[in-house]
Protein backbone atom coordinates (compact mmCIF):
# COMPACT_ATOMS: atom_id res chain seq x y z
CA UNK A 1 -6.12 24.16 -4.62
CA UNK A 2 -7.58 25.92 -7.62
CA UNK A 3 -6.93 29.23 -9.34
CA UNK A 4 -10.52 30.16 -8.50
CA UNK A 5 -9.91 29.70 -4.78
CA UNK A 6 -6.62 31.60 -4.94
CA UNK A 7 -8.39 34.41 -6.78
CA UNK A 8 -10.98 34.60 -3.99
CA UNK A 9 -8.28 34.67 -1.34
CA UNK A 10 -6.34 37.39 -3.19
CA UNK A 11 -9.59 39.38 -3.51
CA UNK A 12 -9.71 39.37 0.30
CA UNK A 13 -6.72 41.72 0.28
CA UNK A 14 -8.71 44.28 -1.72
CA UNK A 15 -11.66 43.82 0.62
CA UNK A 16 -9.42 44.38 3.65
CA UNK A 17 -7.94 47.50 2.04
CA UNK A 18 -11.45 48.84 1.36
CA UNK A 19 -12.40 48.33 5.00
CA UNK A 20 -9.05 49.44 6.48
CA UNK A 21 -7.34 51.92 4.12
CA UNK A 22 -3.53 51.80 4.03
CA UNK A 23 -3.34 48.41 5.77
CA UNK A 24 -2.11 46.67 2.62
CA UNK A 25 1.23 47.96 1.35
CA UNK A 26 1.04 50.02 -1.85
CA UNK A 27 3.35 47.75 -3.91
CA UNK A 28 1.37 44.66 -2.86
CA UNK A 29 -1.93 46.39 -3.58
CA UNK A 30 -0.76 47.35 -7.09
CA UNK A 31 0.42 43.78 -7.78
CA UNK A 32 -2.86 42.33 -6.52
CA UNK A 33 -4.94 44.65 -8.69
CA UNK A 34 -2.87 43.81 -11.79
CA UNK A 35 -3.04 40.09 -11.04
CA UNK A 36 -6.79 40.08 -10.43
CA UNK A 37 -7.37 42.01 -13.66
CA UNK A 38 -5.53 39.49 -15.82
CA UNK A 39 -6.79 36.38 -17.58
CA UNK A 40 -6.32 32.83 -16.32
CA UNK A 41 -3.16 32.12 -18.37
CA UNK A 42 -1.62 35.42 -17.31
CA UNK A 43 -2.48 34.74 -13.67
CA UNK A 44 -0.70 31.40 -13.78
CA UNK A 45 2.37 32.97 -15.41
CA UNK A 46 2.39 35.78 -12.83
CA UNK A 47 2.29 33.52 -9.74
CA UNK A 48 6.02 33.95 -8.97
CA UNK A 49 5.67 37.73 -8.98
CA UNK A 50 2.54 37.58 -6.86
CA UNK A 51 4.27 35.30 -4.38
CA UNK A 52 7.23 37.68 -4.16
CA UNK A 53 4.91 40.68 -3.60
CA UNK A 54 2.98 38.78 -0.91
CA UNK A 55 6.21 37.84 0.84
CA UNK A 56 7.54 41.40 0.75
CA UNK A 57 4.19 42.98 1.67
CA UNK A 58 3.55 41.33 5.01
CA UNK A 59 5.02 41.18 8.51
CA UNK A 60 5.93 44.82 9.06
CA UNK A 61 8.82 45.84 11.27
CA UNK A 62 7.36 47.20 14.52
CA UNK A 63 10.72 48.11 16.10
CA UNK A 64 10.34 51.23 18.22
CA UNK A 65 6.53 51.27 18.07
CA UNK A 66 3.90 50.67 20.74
CA UNK A 67 3.41 47.17 19.24
CA UNK A 68 7.07 46.10 19.41
CA UNK A 69 6.78 43.88 22.52
CA UNK A 70 3.79 41.97 21.14
CA UNK A 71 5.48 41.65 17.74
CA UNK A 72 8.68 40.30 19.27
CA UNK A 73 6.73 37.91 21.50
CA UNK A 74 4.93 36.62 18.41
CA UNK A 75 8.15 35.80 16.60
CA UNK A 76 8.11 39.04 14.56
CA UNK A 77 4.86 37.99 12.89
CA UNK A 78 2.22 40.63 12.30
CA UNK A 79 -1.30 39.42 13.13
CA UNK A 80 -3.22 42.14 11.25
CA UNK A 81 -5.90 41.03 8.75
CA UNK A 82 -3.79 42.01 5.74
CA UNK A 83 -0.75 40.00 6.81
CA UNK A 84 -2.94 37.02 7.72
CA UNK A 85 -4.61 37.18 4.29
CA UNK A 86 -1.21 37.46 2.58
CA UNK A 87 -0.03 34.33 4.41
CA UNK A 88 -3.18 32.49 3.28
CA UNK A 89 -2.48 33.47 -0.34
CA UNK A 90 1.15 32.38 -0.01
CA UNK A 91 0.01 28.98 1.30
CA UNK A 92 -2.44 28.70 -1.61
CA UNK A 93 0.34 29.36 -4.12
CA UNK A 94 2.59 26.87 -2.41
CA UNK A 95 -0.17 24.23 -2.63
CA UNK A 96 -0.40 24.98 -6.34
CA UNK A 97 3.33 24.32 -6.73
CA UNK A 98 4.23 28.02 -6.61
CA UNK A 99 7.63 27.55 -4.97
CA UNK A 100 8.76 25.62 -8.04
CA UNK A 101 7.50 28.39 -10.35
CA UNK A 102 10.00 30.98 -9.19
């Protein structure tokens, strides 16, 4: 896993937001934009914060919505493109040793 690949995967969140406005949570979107706009050393230092934002910004609570049954059946895991992309980025960070960074 490389920072370049992670950067590409994080960029996917912006691409998803451009195609489907309001699908990515606002706090996650702000973190992603800041992270993508930083230099390589700053990106590495900011991995724990990015990981935390990715964790907080995915798998919405669908209790009481028309999607609740499907969400519960899927183990409370959202299958939307934004949440799937966030999980990919989280896996990338973990492969880079990100769990030890926090």
